[in-house]
Every structure is written in C-alpha cells, then in structure tokens.
Amino acid sequence: MTEVTVYLALGSNLGDRMGNLKSAVEHLSQKVNIKKVSSVYETEPVYYEEQPLYLNAVLSAVTELETSDLLRFVKGIESDLGRQPSFRNAPRLIDIDILFYGDQIIETPELIIPHPRIAERAFVLAPLAEIAPKLVHPVLQKRVSELLAGVGGVDGVRKFGKLQGQTRGSAPRAGKG
C-alpha cells in the first residue's frame, strides 16, 4: 500500500474538550503521520441543539492504512477515550470523522467517503479551509473554500485557540499536553 493523504475532523463537547482533542491527536499519531492541524474552533451544536458547545478541529495526515483499517482505528480511539454508544448527534467526549481519503469515492454500509455532510457543516469547513482551502471535493468538484463560502452557520463557528505546542500548519508535539 502506498501512502495516502487523509483529512480527519475532531470534535468534543463533554468533559475537558481541549484535552479530549489533544488525546485524540496523540492517539492518531501512533498510526498516521500528521502533517497539519487546524486551529481549534468553538461551535454551536447543530441537528440536536440542546447540548454544550463543541470544540472542533481538522487535521491532515498521511497513512498506509486501508479505509476499513483507518475506520477501525479511529473508532477504537473514540472507544479508548470514553465515547459511549448513544443517539445520533448526541453530546460526546470525542468524535473523529474521516472526511477525505485521497481523492477516492467510497460507499460501503460502514463508511461513505467523502463524508456525506461536509458541504452543510460550517464547523468542519472552517477548520478544513484553514489548512486545505484549495482541496477539491471529488464528488461536488468544488474547492473547500468555495464550499465554506456557500454554507450557512458560519457565524456560529469561532476560533478558540490552538492545540498546545502547535505552530501554524504543524502538528502538536507528541507527549505535550
């Protein structure tokens, strides 16, 4: 298997939200080579609105993991960090979504790539546009920056900070936190 660039979205709105994101990045770095991490954004909940504000970030990485192995890996991290099965769009300690896997289009019962709701999620598009504004969505054939310009809810997405030890466009240092 050759290396492929992947984009992952991270979110947390329970417990130590920033700590949850840091832990997720640290766990991810065990099997993916993190290249860029966006700023952290505080965002209004969508779909199910009666819950705390989220912290969201997006990272790019390269990996040799196949999509099924990457999905199993991120679901294992969610479980290790305390995510419990719940209802759709429920509050959570950590959520990790695979947004893109190279330019591949994948549709299986377990996984759809590109993530099917990217174009309607300002909380994903804002951090993604920060690190990859020219990335083209392989189905919609639009750049991420164009998708962000056309999405609603951007006013509910505010820069919150950076993951500790992070400089613009770099991954957090392992072991810091």
C-alpha atoms as a PDB file:
ATOM      1  CA  MET A   1       0.000   0.000   0.000  1.00  0.00           C
ATOM      2  CA  THR A   2       1.228   3.446  -0.815  1.00  0.00           C
ATOM      3  CA  GLU A   3       0.719   6.429   1.423  1.00  0.00           C
ATOM      4  CA  VAL A   4      -2.465   8.423   1.012  1.00  0.00           C
ATOM      5  CA  THR A   5      -3.405  11.843   2.402  1.00  0.00           C
ATOM      6  CA  VAL A   6      -6.411  11.794   4.685  1.00  0.00           C
ATOM      7  CA  TYR A   7      -8.389  14.553   6.376  1.00  0.00           C
ATOM      8  CA  LEU A   8      -9.981  13.867   9.743  1.00  0.00           C
ATOM      9  CA  ALA A   9     -12.422  16.007  11.725  1.00  0.00           C
ATOM     10  CA  LEU A  10     -12.284  16.018  15.523  1.00  0.00           C
ATOM     11  CA  GLY A  11     -14.991  17.220  17.873  1.00  0.00           C
ATOM     12  CA  SER A  12     -15.710  17.237  21.611  1.00  0.00           C
ATOM     13  CA  ASN A  13     -18.349  18.878  23.779  1.00  0.00           C
ATOM     14  CA  LEU A  14     -18.186  16.946  27.061  1.00  0.00           C
ATOM     15  CA  GLY A  15     -15.588  16.963  29.827  1.00  0.00           C
ATOM     16  CA  ASP A  16     -12.195  18.536  29.107  1.00  0.00           C
ATOM     17  CA  ARG A  17     -12.931  19.391  25.487  1.00  0.00           C
ATOM     18  CA  MET A  18      -9.418  20.633  24.637  1.00  0.00           C
ATOM     19  CA  GLY A  19      -7.843  17.706  26.488  1.00  0.00           C
ATOM     20  CA  ASN A  20     -10.050  15.296  24.553  1.00  0.00           C
ATOM     21  CA  LEU A  21      -8.872  16.773  21.235  1.00  0.00           C
ATOM     22  CA  LYS A  22      -5.227  16.614  22.350  1.00  0.00           C
ATOM     23  CA  SER A  23      -5.619  12.980  23.402  1.00  0.00           C
ATOM     24  CA  ALA A  24      -7.225  12.121  20.081  1.00  0.00           C
ATOM     25  CA  VAL A  25      -4.343  13.711  18.140  1.00  0.00           C
ATOM     26  CA  GLU A  26      -1.811  11.890  20.301  1.00  0.00           C
ATOM     27  CA  HIS A  27      -3.551   8.542  19.705  1.00  0.00           C
ATOM     28  CA  LEU A  28      -3.903   9.215  15.971  1.00  0.00           C
ATOM     29  CA  SER A  29      -0.177   9.965  15.664  1.00  0.00           C
ATOM     30  CA  GLN A  30       0.555   6.333  16.590  1.00  0.00           C
ATOM     31  CA  LYS A  31      -0.591   5.128  13.141  1.00  0.00           C
ATOM     32  CA  VAL A  32      -0.873   8.207  10.923  1.00  0.00           C
ATOM     33  CA  ASN A  33       1.759  10.811  10.109  1.00  0.00           C
ATOM     34  CA  ILE A  34       0.077  14.100  10.997  1.00  0.00           C
ATOM     35  CA  LYS A  35       1.030  16.919   8.632  1.00  0.00           C
ATOM     36  CA  LYS A  36      -1.229  19.858   9.570  1.00  0.00           C
ATOM     37  CA  VAL A  37      -3.652  20.641  12.358  1.00  0.00           C
ATOM     38  CA  SER A  38      -6.131  23.499  12.123  1.00  0.00           C
ATOM     39  CA  SER A  39      -6.890  25.954  14.868  1.00  0.00           C
ATOM     40  CA  VAL A  40      -9.496  24.806  17.348  1.00  0.00           C
ATOM     41  CA  TYR A  41     -12.940  26.324  16.797  1.00  0.00           C
ATOM     42  CA  GLU A  42     -15.756  26.624  19.299  1.00  0.00           C
ATOM     43  CA  THR A  43     -19.014  25.879  17.547  1.00  0.00           C
ATOM     44  CA  GLU A  44     -22.720  25.846  18.143  1.00  0.00           C
ATOM     45  CA  PRO A  45     -24.272  22.373  18.133  1.00  0.00           C
ATOM     46  CA  VAL A  46     -26.273  21.511  15.024  1.00  0.00           C
ATOM     47  CA  TYR A  47     -29.012  18.959  14.374  1.00  0.00           C
ATOM     48  CA  TYR A  48     -29.552  18.359  18.131  1.00  0.00           C
ATOM     49  CA  GLU A  49     -29.165  21.807  19.672  1.00  0.00           C
ATOM     50  CA  GLU A  50     -29.852  21.135  23.389  1.00  0.00           C
ATOM     51  CA  GLN A  51     -26.240  20.367  24.294  1.00  0.00           C
ATOM     52  CA  PRO A  52     -22.969  22.145  25.194  1.00  0.00           C
ATOM     53  CA  LEU A  53     -20.795  23.997  22.668  1.00  0.00           C
ATOM     54  CA  TYR A  54     -18.291  21.918  20.719  1.00  0.00           C
ATOM     55  CA  LEU A  55     -14.598  22.319  20.117  1.00  0.00           C
ATOM     56  CA  ASN A  56     -13.710  21.232  16.574  1.00  0.00           C
ATOM     57  CA  ALA A  57     -10.507  20.878  14.585  1.00  0.00           C
ATOM     58  CA  VAL A  58      -9.408  19.210  11.350  1.00  0.00           C
ATOM     59  CA  LEU A  59      -6.094  17.579  10.596  1.00  0.00           C
ATOM     60  CA  SER A  60      -4.369  16.253   7.523  1.00  0.00           C
ATOM     61  CA  ALA A  61      -2.191  13.188   7.703  1.00  0.00           C
ATOM     62  CA  VAL A  62      -0.652  10.522   5.531  1.00  0.00           C
ATOM     63  CA  THR A  63      -1.199   6.853   6.180  1.00  0.00           C
ATOM     64  CA  GLU A  64      -0.762   3.447   4.653  1.00  0.00           C
ATOM     65  CA  LEU A  65      -3.912   2.158   6.375  1.00  0.00           C
ATOM     66  CA  GLU A  66      -6.710   0.985   4.108  1.00  0.00           C
ATOM     67  CA  THR A  67     -10.038   2.764   4.680  1.00  0.00           C
ATOM     68  CA  SER A  68     -11.524  -0.117   6.694  1.00  0.00           C
ATOM     69  CA  ASP A  69      -8.430  -0.244   8.912  1.00  0.00           C
ATOM     70  CA  LEU A  70      -8.456   3.543   9.353  1.00  0.00           C
ATOM     71  CA  LEU A  71     -12.138   3.441  10.337  1.00  0.00           C
ATOM     72  CA  ARG A  72     -11.481   0.639  12.838  1.00  0.00           C
ATOM     73  CA  PHE A  73      -8.506   2.619  14.225  1.00  0.00           C
ATOM     74  CA  VAL A  74     -10.461   5.873  14.746  1.00  0.00           C
ATOM     75  CA  LYS A  75     -13.443   4.022  16.265  1.00  0.00           C
ATOM     76  CA  GLY A  76     -11.010   2.308  18.649  1.00  0.00           C
ATOM     77  CA  ILE A  77      -9.608   5.696  19.689  1.00  0.00           C
ATOM     78  CA  GLU A  78     -13.122   7.015  20.308  1.00  0.00           C
ATOM     79  CA  SER A  79     -13.838   3.989  22.491  1.00  0.00           C
ATOM     80  CA  ASP A  80     -10.489   4.243  24.327  1.00  0.00           C
ATOM     81  CA  LEU A  81     -11.196   7.917  25.091  1.00  0.00           C
ATOM     82  CA  GLY A  82     -14.569   7.085  26.599  1.00  0.00           C
ATOM     83  CA  ARG A  83     -17.104   7.591  23.843  1.00  0.00           C
ATOM     84  CA  GLN A  84     -20.239   5.624  24.617  1.00  0.00           C
ATOM     85  CA  PRO A  85     -22.803   4.429  22.086  1.00  0.00           C
ATOM     86  CA  SER A  86     -25.655   6.929  22.042  1.00  0.00           C
ATOM     87  CA  PHE A  87     -28.180   8.524  19.748  1.00  0.00           C
ATOM     88  CA  ARG A  88     -27.253  10.310  16.517  1.00  0.00           C
ATOM     89  CA  ASN A  89     -25.743  13.794  17.049  1.00  0.00           C
ATOM     90  CA  ALA A  90     -25.659  13.298  20.835  1.00  0.00           C
ATOM     91  CA  PRO A  91     -23.124  15.091  23.050  1.00  0.00           C
ATOM     92  CA  ARG A  92     -19.806  13.259  23.082  1.00  0.00           C
ATOM     93  CA  LEU A  93     -16.377  13.190  24.662  1.00  0.00           C
ATOM     94  CA  ILE A  94     -14.774  12.695  21.241  1.00  0.00           C
ATOM     95  CA  ASP A  95     -15.861  12.277  17.660  1.00  0.00           C
ATOM     96  CA  ILE A  96     -13.463  11.503  14.819  1.00  0.00           C
ATOM     97  CA  ASP A  97     -14.779  11.552  11.261  1.00  0.00           C
ATOM     98  CA  ILE A  98     -12.910  10.581   8.112  1.00  0.00           C
ATOM     99  CA  LEU A  99     -13.604  13.456   5.718  1.00  0.00           C
ATOM    100  CA  PHE A 100     -11.422  12.530   2.748  1.00  0.00           C
ATOM    101  CA  TYR A 101      -9.207   9.587   1.843  1.00  0.00           C
ATOM    102  CA  GLY A 102      -7.092  10.890  -1.007  1.00  0.00           C
ATOM    103  CA  ASP A 103      -9.460  11.681  -3.868  1.00  0.00           C
ATOM    104  CA  GLN A 104     -11.284   8.389  -3.503  1.00  0.00           C
ATOM    105  CA  ILE A 105     -15.045   7.999  -3.503  1.00  0.00           C
ATOM    106  CA  ILE A 106     -16.080   5.108  -1.272  1.00  0.00           C
ATOM    107  CA  GLU A 107     -19.549   3.917  -0.365  1.00  0.00           C
ATOM    108  CA  THR A 108     -19.965   0.878   1.857  1.00  0.00           C
ATOM    109  CA  PRO A 109     -22.528   0.123   4.586  1.00  0.00           C
ATOM    110  CA  GLU A 110     -19.909   1.144   7.186  1.00  0.00           C
ATOM    111  CA  LEU A 111     -18.304   4.160   5.544  1.00  0.00           C
ATOM    112  CA  ILE A 112     -19.007   6.886   2.991  1.00  0.00           C
ATOM    113  CA  ILE A 113     -16.075   8.993   1.768  1.00  0.00           C
ATOM    114  CA  PRO A 114     -16.052  11.898   1.207  1.00  0.00           C
ATOM    115  CA  HIS A 115     -18.045  12.386   4.388  1.00  0.00           C
ATOM    116  CA  PRO A 116     -21.622  12.891   3.140  1.00  0.00           C
ATOM    117  CA  ARG A 117     -22.400  16.028   5.175  1.00  0.00           C
ATOM    118  CA  ILE A 118     -19.223  18.081   4.685  1.00  0.00           C
ATOM    119  CA  ALA A 119     -20.922  20.673   2.464  1.00  0.00           C
ATOM    120  CA  GLU A 120     -23.548  21.508   5.136  1.00  0.00           C
ATOM    121  CA  ARG A 121     -21.179  21.731   8.115  1.00  0.00           C
ATOM    122  CA  ALA A 122     -19.534  25.086   8.760  1.00  0.00           C
ATOM    123  CA  PHE A 123     -17.922  23.552  11.860  1.00  0.00           C
ATOM    124  CA  VAL A 124     -15.984  21.210   9.549  1.00  0.00           C
ATOM    125  CA  LEU A 125     -15.459  23.528   6.580  1.00  0.00           C
ATOM    126  CA  ALA A 126     -13.961  26.439   8.577  1.00  0.00           C
ATOM    127  CA  PRO A 127     -11.061  24.429  10.062  1.00  0.00           C
ATOM    128  CA  LEU A 128     -10.656  22.432   6.841  1.00  0.00           C
ATOM    129  CA  ALA A 129     -10.439  25.622   4.783  1.00  0.00           C
ATOM    130  CA  GLU A 130      -7.752  26.902   7.146  1.00  0.00           C
ATOM    131  CA  ILE A 131      -5.401  24.017   6.296  1.00  0.00           C
ATOM    132  CA  ALA A 132      -6.583  22.999   2.793  1.00  0.00           C
ATOM    133  CA  PRO A 133      -8.610  25.767   1.078  1.00  0.00           C
ATOM    134  CA  LYS A 134      -7.762  24.506  -2.421  1.00  0.00           C
ATOM    135  CA  LEU A 135      -8.637  20.874  -1.728  1.00  0.00           C
ATOM    136  CA  VAL A 136     -11.265  19.794  -4.264  1.00  0.00           C
ATOM    137  CA  HIS A 137     -14.228  17.705  -3.125  1.00  0.00           C
ATOM    138  CA  PRO A 138     -14.123  14.750  -5.579  1.00  0.00           C
ATOM    139  CA  VAL A 139     -17.915  14.437  -5.839  1.00  0.00           C
ATOM    140  CA  LEU A 140     -19.021  18.086  -5.762  1.00  0.00           C
ATOM    141  CA  GLN A 141     -15.992  19.277  -7.768  1.00  0.00           C
ATOM    142  CA  LYS A 142     -15.681  22.420  -5.643  1.00  0.00           C
ATOM    143  CA  ARG A 143     -12.805  23.687  -3.554  1.00  0.00           C
ATOM    144  CA  VAL A 144     -13.209  23.634   0.214  1.00  0.00           C
ATOM    145  CA  SER A 145     -13.005  27.440   0.215  1.00  0.00           C
ATOM    146  CA  GLU A 146     -15.968  27.561  -2.196  1.00  0.00           C
ATOM    147  CA  LEU A 147     -17.967  25.162  -0.049  1.00  0.00           C
ATOM    148  CA  LEU A 148     -17.277  27.310   3.034  1.00  0.00           C
ATOM    149  CA  ALA A 149     -18.374  30.469   1.183  1.00  0.00           C
ATOM    150  CA  GLY A 150     -21.713  28.822   0.391  1.00  0.00           C
ATOM    151  CA  VAL A 151     -22.575  27.255   3.751  1.00  0.00           C
ATOM    152  CA  GLY A 152     -24.818  28.671   6.447  1.00  0.00           C
ATOM    153  CA  GLY A 153     -23.998  28.759  10.145  1.00  0.00           C
ATOM    154  CA  VAL A 154     -20.526  30.278   9.841  1.00  0.00           C
ATOM    155  CA  ASP A 155     -21.442  32.875  12.480  1.00  0.00           C
ATOM    156  CA  GLY A 156     -21.695  30.000  14.999  1.00  0.00           C
ATOM    157  CA  VAL A 157     -18.049  28.993  14.364  1.00  0.00           C
ATOM    158  CA  ARG A 158     -15.434  30.967  16.306  1.00  0.00           C
ATOM    159  CA  LYS A 159     -11.684  30.459  16.600  1.00  0.00           C
ATOM    160  CA  PHE A 160     -10.988  29.236  20.118  1.00  0.00           C
ATOM    161  CA  GLY A 161      -7.232  28.609  20.139  1.00  0.00           C
ATOM    162  CA  LYS A 162      -4.618  26.115  19.117  1.00  0.00           C
ATOM    163  CA  LEU A 163      -3.652  22.743  20.444  1.00  0.00           C
ATOM    164  CA  GLN A 164      -0.697  23.230  22.832  1.00  0.00           C
ATOM    165  CA  GLY A 165       2.743  23.081  21.232  1.00  0.00           C
ATOM    166  CA  GLN A 166       1.242  23.744  17.812  1.00  0.00           C
ATOM    167  CA  THR A 167       2.547  26.330  15.425  1.00  0.00           C
ATOM    168  CA  ARG A 168       0.609  27.330  12.355  1.00  0.00           C
ATOM    169  CA  GLY A 169       0.425  24.390   9.980  1.00  0.00           C
ATOM    170  CA  SER A 170       2.230  21.925  12.240  1.00  0.00           C
ATOM    171  CA  ALA A 171       1.125  19.012  14.318  1.00  0.00           C
ATOM    172  CA  PRO A 172       1.206  19.166  18.100  1.00  0.00           C
ATOM    173  CA  ARG A 173       4.300  17.667  19.664  1.00  0.00           C
ATOM    174  CA  ALA A 174       3.785  14.178  20.992  1.00  0.00           C
ATOM    175  CA  GLY A 175       3.918  13.929  24.741  1.00  0.00           C
ATOM    176  CA  LYS A 176       2.979  17.546  25.378  1.00  0.00           C
ATOM    177  CA  GLY A 177      -0.293  18.357  26.995  1.00  0.00           C
END
